[in-house]
Protein backbone atom coordinates (compact mmCIF):
# COMPACT_ATOMS: atom_id res chain seq x y z
CA MET A 1 0.07 0.06 -0.03
CA LYS A 2 1.37 3.35 -1.00
CA ALA A 3 1.59 5.87 1.81
CA PRO A 4 -0.51 9.07 1.58
CA LEU A 5 1.29 12.29 1.58
CA PRO A 6 1.71 14.33 4.80
CA ALA A 7 -0.66 17.41 4.97
CA ASN A 8 2.50 19.58 5.06
CA GLU A 9 4.31 17.83 2.20
CA SER A 10 5.35 21.07 0.45
CA ASP A 11 6.78 22.55 3.59
CA ARG A 12 8.56 19.24 4.50
CA LEU A 13 10.15 19.00 1.04
CA ASN A 14 11.25 22.68 1.23
CA ALA A 15 12.96 21.95 4.64
CA LEU A 16 14.65 18.93 3.32
CA ARG A 17 15.97 20.78 0.29
CA ARG A 18 17.26 23.61 2.50
CA LEU A 19 19.46 21.18 4.43
CA LYS A 20 21.28 20.31 1.08
CA ILE A 21 22.01 16.86 2.37
CA LEU A 22 20.53 14.80 -0.43
CA ASP A 23 23.07 13.05 -2.64
CA THR A 24 26.01 14.01 -0.52
CA PRO A 25 28.82 11.56 0.43
CA LEU A 26 28.74 9.27 3.46
CA ASP A 27 29.35 11.00 6.80
CA GLU A 28 30.89 9.09 9.79
CA ARG A 29 28.56 10.78 12.12
CA PHE A 30 25.61 9.02 10.66
CA GLU A 31 27.53 5.78 9.94
CA ARG A 32 28.37 5.37 13.60
CA ILE A 33 24.84 5.75 14.63
CA THR A 34 23.54 3.07 12.19
CA ARG A 35 26.23 0.69 13.23
CA MET A 36 25.19 1.20 16.79
CA VAL A 37 21.57 0.43 15.87
CA CYS A 38 22.62 -2.96 14.24
CA ARG A 39 24.80 -3.95 17.20
CA SER A 40 22.46 -2.93 19.94
CA LEU A 41 19.17 -4.15 18.38
CA GLN A 42 20.85 -7.07 16.79
CA VAL A 43 19.29 -6.36 13.36
CA PRO A 44 20.96 -6.87 9.97
CA VAL A 45 19.94 -3.55 8.54
CA ALA A 46 19.75 0.00 9.91
CA ALA A 47 19.47 3.31 7.98
CA VAL A 48 19.08 6.97 8.15
CA SER A 49 16.42 7.41 5.58
CA LEU A 50 15.24 10.77 4.23
CA VAL A 51 11.97 10.77 2.23
CA ASP A 52 12.26 12.79 -0.92
CA GLU A 53 9.49 13.60 -3.39
CA GLN A 54 9.79 10.34 -5.35
CA ARG A 55 12.33 8.31 -3.38
CA GLN A 56 13.73 7.46 -0.04
CA TRP A 57 17.47 8.27 0.08
CA PHE A 58 19.76 6.83 2.66
CA LYS A 59 22.26 9.23 4.27
CA SER A 60 23.58 6.03 5.84
CA ILE A 61 22.66 2.29 5.56
CA GLN A 62 24.24 -0.76 7.04
CA GLY A 63 23.50 -4.19 5.63
CA LEU A 64 22.20 -3.53 2.15
CA PRO A 65 24.41 -2.19 -0.81
CA VAL A 66 21.80 0.47 -1.84
CA ALA A 67 21.59 4.32 -1.84
CA GLU A 68 17.83 4.78 -2.38
CA THR A 69 14.59 3.04 -3.13
CA SER A 70 11.28 4.21 -4.65
CA ARG A 71 9.14 6.14 -2.12
CA ASP A 72 6.24 3.99 -3.35
CA VAL A 73 7.50 0.88 -1.45
CA ALA A 74 9.17 2.81 1.50
CA PHE A 75 8.13 1.74 4.96
CA CYS A 76 9.52 5.16 6.11
CA ALA A 77 7.03 6.96 3.98
CA HIS A 78 4.39 5.52 6.34
CA ALA A 79 6.47 6.15 9.46
CA ILE A 80 6.72 9.94 8.85
CA LEU A 81 2.90 10.21 9.01
CA GLY A 82 2.94 9.70 12.74
CA ASP A 83 4.58 11.44 15.73
CA SER A 84 5.89 8.38 17.44
CA MET A 85 7.83 5.29 16.39
CA MET A 86 6.37 3.01 13.98
CA VAL A 87 6.83 -0.79 14.71
CA VAL A 88 5.83 -3.54 12.40
CA PRO A 89 6.43 -6.86 14.08
CA ASP A 90 5.67 -9.01 10.92
CA ALA A 91 5.25 -7.16 7.68
CA ARG A 92 3.37 -10.15 6.15
CA LYS A 93 0.54 -9.57 8.60
CA ASP A 94 0.35 -5.89 8.14
CA PRO A 95 -2.10 -4.80 5.34
CA ARG A 96 -0.07 -1.76 4.57
CA PHE A 97 2.95 -3.95 3.65
CA ALA A 98 1.67 -7.55 2.96
CA ASP A 99 2.01 -7.00 -0.82
CA ASN A 100 5.01 -4.85 -0.71
CA PRO A 101 7.70 -6.18 -3.10
CA LEU A 102 10.33 -5.61 -0.46
CA VAL A 103 8.28 -8.11 1.75
CA THR A 104 7.04 -10.65 -0.91
CA GLY A 105 10.51 -10.76 -2.74
CA GLU A 106 14.00 -9.63 -1.98
CA PRO A 107 15.34 -8.67 0.51
CA GLY A 108 12.36 -10.16 2.39
CA ILE A 109 11.64 -7.63 5.14
CA ARG A 110 9.77 -8.93 8.09
CA PHE A 111 10.49 -6.60 11.02
CA TYR A 112 10.60 -2.88 10.87
CA ALA A 113 10.97 -0.08 13.44
CA GLY A 114 11.31 3.49 12.43
CA TYR A 115 11.70 6.61 14.50
CA PRO A 116 10.48 9.73 12.59
CA LEU A 117 13.35 12.37 12.40
CA LYS A 118 11.86 15.71 13.30
CA LEU A 119 13.23 19.05 12.25
CA SER A 120 10.49 20.72 14.15
CA ASP A 121 7.23 19.61 15.73
CA THR A 122 5.51 19.33 12.41
CA ILE A 123 8.46 18.71 9.97
CA LYS A 124 9.48 14.92 9.61
CA LEU A 125 12.26 14.43 7.14
CA GLY A 126 12.56 10.64 7.42
CA THR A 127 13.47 8.00 9.95
CA LEU A 128 16.10 6.26 11.73
CA CYS A 129 14.99 2.66 11.17
CA ALA A 130 15.93 -0.93 12.05
CA ILE A 131 15.03 -3.81 9.65
CA GLY A 132 15.01 -7.53 10.24
CA TRP A 133 14.45 -10.65 8.15
CA GLU A 134 12.58 -12.46 10.90
CA PRO A 135 9.39 -11.37 12.74
CA ARG A 136 9.99 -10.04 16.25
CA GLU A 137 8.45 -7.99 18.95
CA MET A 138 10.22 -4.89 20.29
CA PRO A 139 10.53 -4.40 24.05
CA ASP A 140 10.36 -1.13 25.55
CA CYS A 141 14.08 -0.89 26.20
CA ASP A 142 14.88 -1.36 22.62
CA ARG A 143 12.24 1.32 21.60
CA GLN A 144 13.86 3.72 24.00
CA LEU A 145 17.30 2.99 22.52
CA LEU A 146 16.19 3.65 18.95
CA GLU A 147 14.41 6.73 20.06
CA ASP A 148 17.62 8.08 21.81
CA LEU A 149 19.69 7.40 18.79
CA GLY A 150 17.12 8.97 16.65
CA LYS A 151 17.30 12.15 18.73
CA THR A 152 21.03 12.09 18.15
CA VAL A 153 20.32 11.89 14.41
CA GLU A 154 18.07 14.92 14.71
CA SER A 155 20.74 16.91 16.56
CA GLU A 156 23.24 16.08 13.75
CA LEU A 157 20.85 17.12 10.99
CA GLN A 158 20.30 20.33 12.69
CA ALA A 159 24.04 21.11 13.08
CA LEU A 160 25.62 19.70 9.90
CA ALA A 161 29.10 20.78 10.07
CA LEU A 162 31.18 19.81 6.94
CA SER A 163 34.43 21.66 6.32
CA HIS A 164 33.88 25.08 4.92
CA GLN A 165 35.00 24.00 1.49
CA GLN A 166 32.79 20.91 1.34
CA SER A 167 29.88 23.14 2.19
CA GLU A 168 30.68 25.55 -0.58
CA VAL A 169 30.91 22.73 -3.17
CA ILE A 170 27.48 21.33 -1.86
CA ASP A 171 25.84 24.85 -1.88
CA GLU A 172 27.07 25.59 -5.46
CA LEU A 173 25.17 22.43 -6.91
CA ASN A 174 21.77 21.11 -7.26
CA GLU A 175 21.02 17.48 -6.47
CA LEU A 176 21.66 16.07 -9.96
CA ALA A 177 24.97 17.89 -10.13
CA ARG A 178 25.98 16.50 -6.69
CA GLN A 179 25.21 13.03 -7.74
CA ALA A 180 27.70 13.46 -10.49
CA LEU A 181 30.42 14.06 -7.90
CA VAL A 182 29.69 10.96 -5.78
CA ASP A 183 31.08 7.57 -6.49
CA PRO A 184 28.08 5.09 -6.76
CA LEU A 185 29.90 2.15 -5.37
CA THR A 186 31.44 3.61 -2.16
CA ARG A 187 29.20 6.63 -1.80
CA LEU A 188 32.31 8.87 -1.20
CA TRP A 189 33.45 11.76 -3.42
CA ASN A 190 34.53 10.58 -6.85
CA ARG A 191 37.58 11.91 -8.86
CA GLU A 192 35.84 15.06 -10.08
CA GLY A 193 34.47 15.68 -6.68
CA LEU A 194 37.87 15.30 -5.16
CA ASN A 195 39.44 17.62 -7.64
CA ARG A 196 36.96 20.41 -6.83
CA MET A 197 37.52 19.76 -3.14
CA LEU A 198 41.33 19.95 -3.45
CA HIS A 199 41.31 23.15 -5.35
CA LYS A 200 38.83 24.69 -2.82
CA GLU A 201 41.09 23.62 0.19
CA TRP A 202 44.25 24.70 -1.76
CA ASP A 203 42.89 28.26 -2.31
CA TYR A 204 41.74 28.37 1.34
CA ALA A 205 45.08 27.29 2.57
CA ILE A 206 46.85 30.05 0.49
CA ARG A 207 44.55 32.65 2.03
CA LYS A 208 45.04 31.39 5.50
CA GLN A 209 48.71 30.30 5.11
CA ASN A 210 47.74 26.92 6.61
CA SER A 211 49.44 23.76 5.87
CA LEU A 212 47.46 21.24 3.76
CA ALA A 213 48.10 17.47 3.61
CA LEU A 214 47.05 15.09 0.94
CA ALA A 215 47.18 11.23 1.17
CA MET A 216 46.86 8.63 -1.55
CA ILE A 217 45.78 5.20 -0.41
CA ASP A 218 46.30 2.16 -2.46
CA CYS A 219 44.69 -1.34 -1.90
CA ASP A 220 47.43 -3.86 -1.74
CA GLY A 221 46.58 -7.19 -3.61
CA PHE A 222 43.26 -5.81 -4.86
CA LYS A 223 43.83 -7.34 -8.34
CA GLN A 224 44.30 -10.81 -6.86
CA ILE A 225 40.96 -10.41 -4.95
CA ASN A 226 39.30 -9.52 -8.15
CA ASP A 227 41.00 -12.34 -10.12
CA ARG A 228 40.33 -15.03 -7.37
CA HIS A 229 36.80 -14.13 -6.27
CA GLY A 230 35.34 -11.91 -9.02
CA HIS A 231 34.32 -8.28 -9.34
CA LEU A 232 31.19 -8.57 -7.13
CA ILE A 233 33.47 -9.64 -4.16
CA GLY A 234 35.91 -6.95 -5.16
CA ASP A 235 33.08 -4.27 -5.13
CA ALA A 236 32.03 -5.49 -1.72
CA TYR A 237 35.53 -5.30 -0.44
CA LEU A 238 35.98 -1.64 -1.71
CA ARG A 239 32.58 -0.66 -0.13
CA GLN A 240 33.55 -2.03 3.34
CA LEU A 241 37.21 -0.58 3.23
CA ALA A 242 35.73 2.80 2.33
CA GLY A 243 33.63 2.75 5.50
CA ILE A 244 36.70 1.60 7.57
CA LEU A 245 38.73 4.57 6.23
CA LEU A 246 35.88 7.01 6.75
CA SER A 247 35.47 5.85 10.49
CA ARG A 248 39.03 6.99 11.32
CA LEU A 249 39.14 10.29 9.75
CA ARG A 250 38.30 13.69 11.41
CA PRO A 251 34.91 15.41 10.50
CA TYR A 252 36.63 18.11 8.38
CA ASP A 253 38.83 15.73 6.33
CA THR A 254 37.68 14.84 2.89
CA ILE A 255 37.96 11.33 1.49
CA GLY A 256 36.90 10.04 -1.80
CA ARG A 257 37.58 7.26 -4.54
CA TRP A 258 40.32 8.51 -6.78
CA GLY A 259 39.80 5.64 -9.19
CA GLY A 260 39.89 1.70 -9.17
CA ASP A 261 41.26 0.72 -5.91
CA GLU A 262 42.77 4.06 -4.95
CA PHE A 263 41.53 6.53 -2.45
CA MET A 264 42.43 10.08 -1.69
CA VAL A 265 42.31 11.98 1.77
CA ILE A 266 42.51 15.72 1.91
CA MET A 267 43.47 16.96 5.28
CA PRO A 268 43.13 20.84 5.75
CA ALA A 269 45.09 22.64 8.39
CA THR A 270 47.40 19.58 8.84
CA THR A 271 51.15 19.44 9.12
CA ALA A 272 53.18 16.62 7.74
CA ASP A 273 53.65 15.16 11.27
CA GLU A 274 49.91 15.43 11.92
CA GLY A 275 49.16 13.73 8.62
CA LEU A 276 51.43 10.93 9.35
CA SER A 277 49.65 10.39 12.72
CA VAL A 278 46.27 10.27 10.82
CA MET A 279 47.78 7.73 8.38
CA GLN A 280 49.27 5.59 11.15
CA ARG A 281 45.90 5.34 12.80
CA LEU A 282 44.38 4.28 9.50
CA LEU A 283 46.88 1.54 9.22
CA ALA A 284 46.44 0.29 12.80
CA THR A 285 42.69 0.21 12.38
CA ILE A 286 42.98 -1.59 9.09
CA ALA A 287 45.38 -4.13 10.61
CA ASP A 288 42.82 -5.03 13.27
CA ARG A 289 39.89 -5.57 10.83
CA THR A 290 38.74 -8.25 8.45
CA ILE A 291 36.30 -7.57 5.62
CA ASP A 292 33.58 -10.14 5.47
CA THR A 293 32.42 -11.21 2.00
CA GLU A 294 30.45 -14.07 0.49
CA ALA A 295 33.77 -15.68 -0.38
CA GLY A 296 34.90 -15.50 3.23
CA PRO A 297 36.86 -13.01 5.35
CA ILE A 298 39.57 -11.10 3.58
CA GLN A 299 42.33 -9.13 5.46
CA PRO A 300 42.53 -5.61 4.00
CA ARG A 301 46.03 -4.09 3.33
CA VAL A 302 46.85 -0.77 2.04
CA THR A 303 49.90 1.45 1.34
CA ILE A 304 49.62 5.33 1.91
CA GLY A 305 51.76 7.94 0.35
CA ALA A 306 51.20 11.54 1.30
CA ALA A 307 52.62 15.02 1.05
CA ALA A 308 52.07 18.29 3.02
CA ALA A 309 52.79 21.95 2.24
CA ILE A 310 52.01 25.47 3.06
CA PRO A 311 51.05 26.71 -0.43
CA ASP A 312 52.35 29.84 -2.00
CA PRO A 313 50.23 32.13 -4.10
CA GLY A 314 50.43 31.08 -7.69
CA SER A 315 51.48 27.47 -6.84
CA SER A 316 49.45 24.53 -8.01
CA ALA A 317 47.56 21.71 -6.00
CA GLN A 318 48.67 19.41 -8.68
CA ALA A 319 52.30 19.62 -7.50
CA LEU A 320 51.15 18.41 -4.00
CA LEU A 321 49.14 15.54 -5.64
CA GLY A 322 52.15 14.58 -7.75
CA THR A 323 54.41 14.36 -4.73
CA ALA A 324 51.96 12.27 -2.80
CA ASP A 325 51.59 9.94 -5.85
CA ASP A 326 55.47 9.69 -6.00
CA VAL A 327 55.65 8.74 -2.35
CA LEU A 328 53.01 6.14 -2.94
CA ILE A 329 54.72 4.56 -5.89
CA ALA A 330 58.07 4.34 -4.04
CA LEU A 331 56.37 2.75 -1.08
CA LYS A 332 54.58 0.17 -3.32
CA GLN A 333 57.99 -0.87 -4.69
CA ARG A 334 59.83 -1.25 -1.45
CA ALA A 335 57.54 -1.10 1.74
CA LYS A 336 53.92 -2.13 0.97
CA GLY A 337 51.62 -1.90 3.97
CA THR A 338 53.29 1.33 5.35
CA ALA A 339 52.82 5.02 5.23
CA ALA A 340 55.00 7.94 4.58
CA VAL A 341 54.68 11.63 4.00
CA HIS A 342 56.94 14.20 2.20
CA ARG A 343 57.12 17.99 3.06
CA VAL A 344 56.95 19.96 0.00
């Protein structure tokens, strides 16, 4: 059953547009919350879902490799109609969802709980939701937990704080243009988006005479993963690795997929020593993780080459990028699995 529109749909959509959050890259603040929902409620899927005019778009989702679905089949489109949490113990027995293709077919939703995310008393943008493949009841303690985490999402939505340069790039573009700057596989910035960000941060560093650091991250052995297990496993590996990298960066750092199995991290107001500390933290985290795939667990390994500089007027960001790339190439030849930074 398709959900009816809220009475204030026009105001609700205008509020959502003003946030300029749709079709932006993943953000660790929201990723952290959806991971907590999965762990705490022991559900396979959790999402921050924002209900747009024709779709629901996920600012964060754990457990499913999708960025959006049609609004017509969205449980969350029903959840935003109420003021309190919507709980569906068994979707097969609920007349609103019994014939929903997400219930009758893949992925086979049975349990759903969605806390409506409020920008004000009357404006509900979407939900923080938990989804399961088996019917279940939801005790009061779990409801309270999801509500508490939902209120945290509301606070983050009301106080979005990207770096000044990321905000500028997002403000300059409409949703379709933003989509063109986001990598569809990892949902990070793509190469064009990274180039825009790099030049914004470079110009800002020149004005402020701040140090800017840039890191290039290469996945060691990725070709062998693709050759041995196929590209679907390789894609799943890159998606999960992107999430691991994102989780260890600072809120004002920018990360994206430069191409293939290579990532870039732009670190504003960061010296060479500070950049090396960030990279060493990334390496330590990766060393403690395994990536679960349908082919079994895979131990991730990366090599990181970086450069840092206080840019001069008239200088080019491409020089910093070239130096970071040279450092990475040298490490790949003699010291894979390590990190190094060069002061320009």
